Amino acid sequence: MPSLATPAAVALAAFAALHGSAAQAQSPSRGELLYNANCVACHNEKMHWRGRKLVYDWDSLEEQVRRWQQASSLG
């Protein structure tokens, strides 16, 4: 006789996956709004493609965002 724990676990995992991806889908929109409101004035196309860029991966991006949030009193 099959256990009820397995179907329940599958249902729970599916529920979490669907709701987790919905939350993630909202993040870029919010991030884009924040960026457009607070960053785009200085960060035009030249800033993103300059030779002396400071961001090369996710960790360095987070570090720079925190740095500038503090500098501009956004964080």
PDB file of N, CA and C in Angstrom:
ATOM      1  N   MET A   1       0.849  -1.184   0.000  1.00  0.00           N
ATOM      2  CA  MET A   1       0.000   0.000   0.000  1.00  0.00           C
ATOM      3  C   MET A   1       0.893   1.245   0.000  1.00  0.00           C
ATOM      4  N   PRO A   2       0.702   2.192  -0.931  1.00  0.00           N
ATOM      5  CA  PRO A   2       1.546   3.378  -1.003  1.00  0.00           C
ATOM      6  C   PRO A   2       1.307   4.308   0.183  1.00  0.00           C
ATOM      7  N   SER A   3       2.356   4.964   0.558  1.00  0.00           N
ATOM      8  CA  SER A   3       2.282   5.907   1.665  1.00  0.00           C
ATOM      9  C   SER A   3       1.673   7.229   1.196  1.00  0.00           C
ATOM     10  N   LEU A   4       0.926   7.886   2.072  1.00  0.00           N
ATOM     11  CA  LEU A   4       0.370   9.196   1.743  1.00  0.00           C
ATOM     12  C   LEU A   4       1.416  10.292   1.857  1.00  0.00           C
ATOM     13  N   ALA A   5       2.518   9.996   2.532  1.00  0.00           N
ATOM     14  CA  ALA A   5       3.559  11.002   2.706  1.00  0.00           C
ATOM     15  C   ALA A   5       4.171  11.392   1.369  1.00  0.00           C
ATOM     16  N   THR A   6       4.340  10.447   0.469  1.00  0.00           N
ATOM     17  CA  THR A   6       4.957  10.744  -0.819  1.00  0.00           C
ATOM     18  C   THR A   6       4.099  11.688  -1.660  1.00  0.00           C
ATOM     19  N   PRO A   7       2.809  11.426  -1.877  1.00  0.00           N
ATOM     20  CA  PRO A   7       1.997  12.388  -2.637  1.00  0.00           C
ATOM     21  C   PRO A   7       1.913  13.749  -1.956  1.00  0.00           C
ATOM     22  N   ALA A   8       1.855  13.752  -0.642  1.00  0.00           N
ATOM     23  CA  ALA A   8       1.806  15.023   0.078  1.00  0.00           C
ATOM     24  C   ALA A   8       3.102  15.796  -0.112  1.00  0.00           C
ATOM     25  N   ALA A   9       4.222  15.093  -0.071  1.00  0.00           N
ATOM     26  CA  ALA A   9       5.513  15.749  -0.267  1.00  0.00           C
ATOM     27  C   ALA A   9       5.628  16.306  -1.679  1.00  0.00           C
ATOM     28  N   VAL A  10       5.156  15.540  -2.657  1.00  0.00           N
ATOM     29  CA  VAL A  10       5.186  16.004  -4.048  1.00  0.00           C
ATOM     30  C   VAL A  10       4.298  17.236  -4.213  1.00  0.00           C
ATOM     31  N   ALA A  11       3.120  17.211  -3.629  1.00  0.00           N
ATOM     32  CA  ALA A  11       2.205  18.352  -3.720  1.00  0.00           C
ATOM     33  C   ALA A  11       2.801  19.582  -3.047  1.00  0.00           C
ATOM     34  N   LEU A  12       3.409  19.390  -1.899  1.00  0.00           N
ATOM     35  CA  LEU A  12       4.034  20.497  -1.189  1.00  0.00           C
ATOM     36  C   LEU A  12       5.189  21.075  -1.992  1.00  0.00           C
ATOM     37  N   ALA A  13       6.005  20.210  -2.573  1.00  0.00           N
ATOM     38  CA  ALA A  13       7.132  20.673  -3.387  1.00  0.00           C
ATOM     39  C   ALA A  13       6.639  21.445  -4.606  1.00  0.00           C
ATOM     40  N   ALA A  14       5.584  20.958  -5.251  1.00  0.00           N
ATOM     41  CA  ALA A  14       5.025  21.650  -6.415  1.00  0.00           C
ATOM     42  C   ALA A  14       4.468  23.014  -6.018  1.00  0.00           C
ATOM     43  N   PHE A  15       3.766  23.068  -4.905  1.00  0.00           N
ATOM     44  CA  PHE A  15       3.219  24.331  -4.406  1.00  0.00           C
ATOM     45  C   PHE A  15       4.338  25.336  -4.134  1.00  0.00           C
ATOM     46  N   ALA A  16       5.382  24.880  -3.456  1.00  0.00           N
ATOM     47  CA  ALA A  16       6.505  25.761  -3.134  1.00  0.00           C
ATOM     48  C   ALA A  16       7.203  26.239  -4.401  1.00  0.00           C
ATOM     49  N   ALA A  17       7.373  25.357  -5.364  1.00  0.00           N
ATOM     50  CA  ALA A  17       8.047  25.732  -6.606  1.00  0.00           C
ATOM     51  C   ALA A  17       7.236  26.770  -7.376  1.00  0.00           C
ATOM     52  N   LEU A  18       5.935  26.581  -7.448  1.00  0.00           N
ATOM     53  CA  LEU A  18       5.093  27.526  -8.184  1.00  0.00           C
ATOM     54  C   LEU A  18       5.046  28.884  -7.510  1.00  0.00           C
ATOM     55  N   HIS A  19       4.907  28.890  -6.211  1.00  0.00           N
ATOM     56  CA  HIS A  19       4.840  30.165  -5.507  1.00  0.00           C
ATOM     57  C   HIS A  19       6.202  30.819  -5.393  1.00  0.00           C
ATOM     58  N   GLY A  20       7.250  30.054  -5.318  1.00  0.00           N
ATOM     59  CA  GLY A  20       8.592  30.621  -5.292  1.00  0.00           C
ATOM     60  C   GLY A  20       8.935  31.300  -6.599  1.00  0.00           C
ATOM     61  N   SER A  21       8.586  30.696  -7.727  1.00  0.00           N
ATOM     62  CA  SER A  21       8.897  31.304  -9.012  1.00  0.00           C
ATOM     63  C   SER A  21       8.047  32.545  -9.252  1.00  0.00           C
ATOM     64  N   ALA A  22       6.847  32.603  -8.702  1.00  0.00           N
ATOM     65  CA  ALA A  22       6.029  33.806  -8.837  1.00  0.00           C
ATOM     66  C   ALA A  22       6.669  34.967  -8.097  1.00  0.00           C
ATOM     67  N   ALA A  23       7.219  34.699  -6.925  1.00  0.00           N
ATOM     68  CA  ALA A  23       7.891  35.752  -6.170  1.00  0.00           C
ATOM     69  C   ALA A  23       9.147  36.204  -6.895  1.00  0.00           C
ATOM     70  N   GLN A  24       9.874  35.278  -7.469  1.00  0.00           N
ATOM     71  CA  GLN A  24      11.075  35.644  -8.203  1.00  0.00           C
ATOM     72  C   GLN A  24      10.726  36.428  -9.455  1.00  0.00           C
ATOM     73  N   ALA A  25       9.618  36.119 -10.084  1.00  0.00           N
ATOM     74  CA  ALA A  25       9.223  36.826 -11.291  1.00  0.00           C
ATOM     75  C   ALA A  25       8.934  38.293 -10.998  1.00  0.00           C
ATOM     76  N   GLN A  26       8.522  38.615  -9.787  1.00  0.00           N
ATOM     77  CA  GLN A  26       8.244  39.993  -9.419  1.00  0.00           C
ATOM     78  C   GLN A  26       9.516  40.771  -9.122  1.00  0.00           C
ATOM     79  N   SER A  27      10.573  40.120  -8.712  1.00  0.00           N
ATOM     80  CA  SER A  27      11.791  40.804  -8.312  1.00  0.00           C
ATOM     81  C   SER A  27      12.403  41.667  -9.407  1.00  0.00           C
ATOM     82  N   PRO A  28      12.555  41.177 -10.640  1.00  0.00           N
ATOM     83  CA  PRO A  28      13.147  42.039 -11.663  1.00  0.00           C
ATOM     84  C   PRO A  28      12.335  43.306 -11.906  1.00  0.00           C
ATOM     85  N   SER A  29      11.018  43.237 -11.855  1.00  0.00           N
ATOM     86  CA  SER A  29      10.194  44.421 -12.059  1.00  0.00           C
ATOM     87  C   SER A  29      10.463  45.442 -10.964  1.00  0.00           C
ATOM     88  N   ARG A  30      10.497  44.995  -9.744  1.00  0.00           N
ATOM     89  CA  ARG A  30      10.764  45.895  -8.614  1.00  0.00           C
ATOM     90  C   ARG A  30      12.174  46.444  -8.711  1.00  0.00           C
ATOM     91  N   GLY A  31      13.115  45.561  -9.048  1.00  0.00           N
ATOM     92  CA  GLY A  31      14.502  45.999  -9.205  1.00  0.00           C
ATOM     93  C   GLY A  31      14.648  47.027 -10.307  1.00  0.00           C
ATOM     94  N   GLU A  32      13.931  46.810 -11.395  1.00  0.00           N
ATOM     95  CA  GLU A  32      13.986  47.764 -12.503  1.00  0.00           C
ATOM     96  C   GLU A  32      13.421  49.118 -12.081  1.00  0.00           C
ATOM     97  N   LEU A  33      12.324  49.109 -11.322  1.00  0.00           N
ATOM     98  CA  LEU A  33      11.756  50.367 -10.831  1.00  0.00           C
ATOM     99  C   LEU A  33      12.731  51.093  -9.912  1.00  0.00           C
ATOM    100  N   LEU A  34      13.335  50.345  -8.995  1.00  0.00           N
ATOM    101  CA  LEU A  34      14.312  50.953  -8.089  1.00  0.00           C
ATOM    102  C   LEU A  34      15.500  51.514  -8.859  1.00  0.00           C
ATOM    103  N   TYR A  35      15.987  50.747  -9.826  1.00  0.00           N
ATOM    104  CA  TYR A  35      17.126  51.175 -10.635  1.00  0.00           C
ATOM    105  C   TYR A  35      16.783  52.445 -11.409  1.00  0.00           C
ATOM    106  N   ASN A  36      15.631  52.449 -12.062  1.00  0.00           N
ATOM    107  CA  ASN A  36      15.237  53.617 -12.849  1.00  0.00           C
ATOM    108  C   ASN A  36      15.029  54.848 -11.978  1.00  0.00           C
ATOM    109  N   ALA A  37      14.546  54.657 -10.768  1.00  0.00           N
ATOM    110  CA  ALA A  37      14.295  55.786  -9.875  1.00  0.00           C
ATOM    111  C   ALA A  37      15.562  56.317  -9.219  1.00  0.00           C
ATOM    112  N   ASN A  38      16.554  55.436  -8.982  1.00  0.00           N
ATOM    113  CA  ASN A  38      17.687  55.848  -8.157  1.00  0.00           C
ATOM    114  C   ASN A  38      19.059  55.739  -8.812  1.00  0.00           C
ATOM    115  N   CYS A  39      19.179  55.035  -9.913  1.00  0.00           N
ATOM    116  CA  CYS A  39      20.514  54.729 -10.439  1.00  0.00           C
ATOM    117  C   CYS A  39      20.750  55.210 -11.863  1.00  0.00           C
ATOM    118  N   VAL A  40      19.714  55.195 -12.684  1.00  0.00           N
ATOM    119  CA  VAL A  40      19.890  55.400 -14.116  1.00  0.00           C
ATOM    120  C   VAL A  40      20.420  56.799 -14.451  1.00  0.00           C
ATOM    121  N   ALA A  41      20.250  57.757 -13.581  1.00  0.00           N
ATOM    122  CA  ALA A  41      20.760  59.098 -13.856  1.00  0.00           C
ATOM    123  C   ALA A  41      22.277  59.097 -14.047  1.00  0.00           C
ATOM    124  N   CYS A  42      22.982  58.268 -13.299  1.00  0.00           N
ATOM    125  CA  CYS A  42      24.443  58.175 -13.428  1.00  0.00           C
ATOM    126  C   CYS A  42      24.885  56.948 -14.208  1.00  0.00           C
ATOM    127  N   HIS A  43      24.101  55.892 -14.145  1.00  0.00           N
ATOM    128  CA  HIS A  43      24.491  54.618 -14.758  1.00  0.00           C
ATOM    129  C   HIS A  43      23.861  54.458 -16.130  1.00  0.00           C
ATOM    130  N   ASN A  44      24.446  55.150 -17.098  1.00  0.00           N
ATOM    131  CA  ASN A  44      23.979  54.996 -18.467  1.00  0.00           C
ATOM    132  C   ASN A  44      24.758  53.855 -19.127  1.00  0.00           C
ATOM    133  N   GLU A  45      24.646  53.711 -20.424  1.00  0.00           N
ATOM    134  CA  GLU A  45      25.321  52.612 -21.116  1.00  0.00           C
ATOM    135  C   GLU A  45      26.834  52.658 -20.949  1.00  0.00           C
ATOM    136  N   LYS A  46      27.415  53.848 -20.884  1.00  0.00           N
ATOM    137  CA  LYS A  46      28.871  53.957 -20.724  1.00  0.00           C
ATOM    138  C   LYS A  46      29.330  53.342 -19.406  1.00  0.00           C
ATOM    139  N   MET A  47      28.559  53.523 -18.357  1.00  0.00           N
ATOM    140  CA  MET A  47      28.927  53.004 -17.041  1.00  0.00           C
ATOM    141  C   MET A  47      28.993  51.484 -17.049  1.00  0.00           C
ATOM    142  N   HIS A  48      28.098  50.845 -17.739  1.00  0.00           N
ATOM    143  CA  HIS A  48      28.034  49.389 -17.723  1.00  0.00           C
ATOM    144  C   HIS A  48      29.101  48.740 -18.581  1.00  0.00           C
ATOM    145  N   TRP A  49      29.642  49.445 -19.520  1.00  0.00           N
ATOM    146  CA  TRP A  49      30.605  48.836 -20.438  1.00  0.00           C
ATOM    147  C   TRP A  49      31.992  49.451 -20.308  1.00  0.00           C
ATOM    148  N   ARG A  50      32.273  50.161 -19.250  1.00  0.00           N
ATOM    149  CA  ARG A  50      33.582  50.792 -19.092  1.00  0.00           C
ATOM    150  C   ARG A  50      34.654  49.765 -18.774  1.00  0.00           C
ATOM    151  N   GLY A  51      35.893  50.100 -19.070  1.00  0.00           N
ATOM    152  CA  GLY A  51      37.010  49.185 -18.856  1.00  0.00           C
ATOM    153  C   GLY A  51      37.340  48.954 -17.392  1.00  0.00           C
ATOM    154  N   ARG A  52      37.109  49.951 -16.543  1.00  0.00           N
ATOM    155  CA  ARG A  52      37.471  49.831 -15.122  1.00  0.00           C
ATOM    156  C   ARG A  52      36.274  49.447 -14.266  1.00  0.00           C
ATOM    157  N   LYS A  53      35.423  48.591 -14.755  1.00  0.00           N
ATOM    158  CA  LYS A  53      34.237  48.222 -13.983  1.00  0.00           C
ATOM    159  C   LYS A  53      34.623  47.480 -12.707  1.00  0.00           C
ATOM    160  N   LEU A  54      33.787  47.603 -11.704  1.00  0.00           N
ATOM    161  CA  LEU A  54      34.046  47.013 -10.394  1.00  0.00           C
ATOM    162  C   LEU A  54      33.228  45.755 -10.137  1.00  0.00           C
ATOM    163  N   VAL A  55      32.279  45.457 -10.991  1.00  0.00           N
ATOM    164  CA  VAL A  55      31.396  44.310 -10.791  1.00  0.00           C
ATOM    165  C   VAL A  55      31.688  43.249 -11.835  1.00  0.00           C
ATOM    166  N   TYR A  56      32.053  42.069 -11.328  1.00  0.00           N
ATOM    167  CA  TYR A  56      32.357  40.945 -12.215  1.00  0.00           C
ATOM    168  C   TYR A  56      31.517  39.715 -11.908  1.00  0.00           C
ATOM    169  N   ASP A  57      30.870  39.705 -10.740  1.00  0.00           N
ATOM    170  CA  ASP A  57      30.062  38.557 -10.350  1.00  0.00           C
ATOM    171  C   ASP A  57      28.989  39.029  -9.369  1.00  0.00           C
ATOM    172  N   TRP A  58      28.175  38.097  -8.921  1.00  0.00           N
ATOM    173  CA  TRP A  58      27.056  38.445  -8.041  1.00  0.00           C
ATOM    174  C   TRP A  58      27.530  39.067  -6.732  1.00  0.00           C
ATOM    175  N   ASP A  59      28.584  38.507  -6.125  1.00  0.00           N
ATOM    176  CA  ASP A  59      29.066  39.027  -4.841  1.00  0.00           C
ATOM    177  C   ASP A  59      29.555  40.464  -4.975  1.00  0.00           C
ATOM    178  N   SER A  60      30.302  40.757  -6.026  1.00  0.00           N
ATOM    179  CA  SER A  60      30.793  42.123  -6.196  1.00  0.00           C
ATOM    180  C   SER A  60      29.646  43.078  -6.537  1.00  0.00           C
ATOM    181  N   LEU A  61      28.609  42.586  -7.213  1.00  0.00           N
ATOM    182  CA  LEU A  61      27.431  43.417  -7.476  1.00  0.00           C
ATOM    183  C   LEU A  61      26.744  43.779  -6.166  1.00  0.00           C
ATOM    184  N   GLU A  62      26.526  42.789  -5.308  1.00  0.00           N
ATOM    185  CA  GLU A  62      25.896  43.067  -4.013  1.00  0.00           C
ATOM    186  C   GLU A  62      26.725  44.050  -3.202  1.00  0.00           C
ATOM    187  N   GLU A  63      28.034  43.885  -3.221  1.00  0.00           N
ATOM    188  CA  GLU A  63      28.917  44.787  -2.479  1.00  0.00           C
ATOM    189  C   GLU A  63      28.781  46.225  -2.979  1.00  0.00           C
ATOM    190  N   GLN A  64      28.772  46.414  -4.283  1.00  0.00           N
ATOM    191  CA  GLN A  64      28.661  47.758  -4.835  1.00  0.00           C
ATOM    192  C   GLN A  64      27.277  48.366  -4.596  1.00  0.00           C
ATOM    193  N   VAL A  65      26.237  47.558  -4.678  1.00  0.00           N
ATOM    194  CA  VAL A  65      24.887  48.062  -4.402  1.00  0.00           C
ATOM    195  C   VAL A  65      24.793  48.522  -2.955  1.00  0.00           C
ATOM    196  N   ARG A  66      25.301  47.704  -2.020  1.00  0.00           N
ATOM    197  CA  ARG A  66      25.294  48.109  -0.602  1.00  0.00           C
ATOM    198  C   ARG A  66      26.091  49.394  -0.406  1.00  0.00           C
ATOM    199  N   ARG A  67      27.235  49.476  -1.046  1.00  0.00           N
ATOM    200  CA  ARG A  67      28.098  50.656  -0.919  1.00  0.00           C
ATOM    201  C   ARG A  67      27.351  51.917  -1.345  1.00  0.00           C
ATOM    202  N   TRP A  68      26.682  51.859  -2.495  1.00  0.00           N
ATOM    203  CA  TRP A  68      26.006  53.041  -3.004  1.00  0.00           C
ATOM    204  C   TRP A  68      24.668  53.289  -2.326  1.00  0.00           C
ATOM    205  N   GLN A  69      24.045  52.261  -1.782  1.00  0.00           N
ATOM    206  CA  GLN A  69      22.837  52.480  -0.976  1.00  0.00           C
ATOM    207  C   GLN A  69      23.195  53.304   0.252  1.00  0.00           C
ATOM    208  N   GLN A  70      24.305  52.954   0.881  1.00  0.00           N
ATOM    209  CA  GLN A  70      24.738  53.697   2.064  1.00  0.00           C
ATOM    210  C   GLN A  70      25.149  55.113   1.690  1.00  0.00           C
ATOM    211  N   ALA A  71      25.867  55.258   0.585  1.00  0.00           N
ATOM    212  CA  ALA A  71      26.340  56.575   0.168  1.00  0.00           C
ATOM    213  C   ALA A  71      25.183  57.507  -0.186  1.00  0.00           C
ATOM    214  N   SER A  72      24.102  56.954  -0.716  1.00  0.00           N
ATOM    215  CA  SER A  72      22.975  57.793  -1.112  1.00  0.00           C
ATOM    216  C   SER A  72      21.786  57.663  -0.162  1.00  0.00           C
ATOM    217  N   SER A  73      22.014  57.079   0.998  1.00  0.00           N
ATOM    218  CA  SER A  73      20.993  56.916   2.040  1.00  0.00           C
ATOM    219  C   SER A  73      19.751  56.177   1.549  1.00  0.00           C
ATOM    220  N   LEU A  74      19.942  55.151   0.709  1.00  0.00           N
ATOM    221  CA  LEU A  74      18.819  54.353   0.223  1.00  0.00           C
ATOM    222  C   LEU A  74      18.672  53.054   0.983  1.00  0.00           C
ATOM    223  N   GLY A  75      19.709  52.609   1.660  1.00  0.00           N
ATOM    224  CA  GLY A  75      19.653  51.311   2.313  1.00  0.00           C
ATOM    225  C   GLY A  75      19.468  51.443   3.755  1.00  0.00           C
TER     226      GLY A  75
END
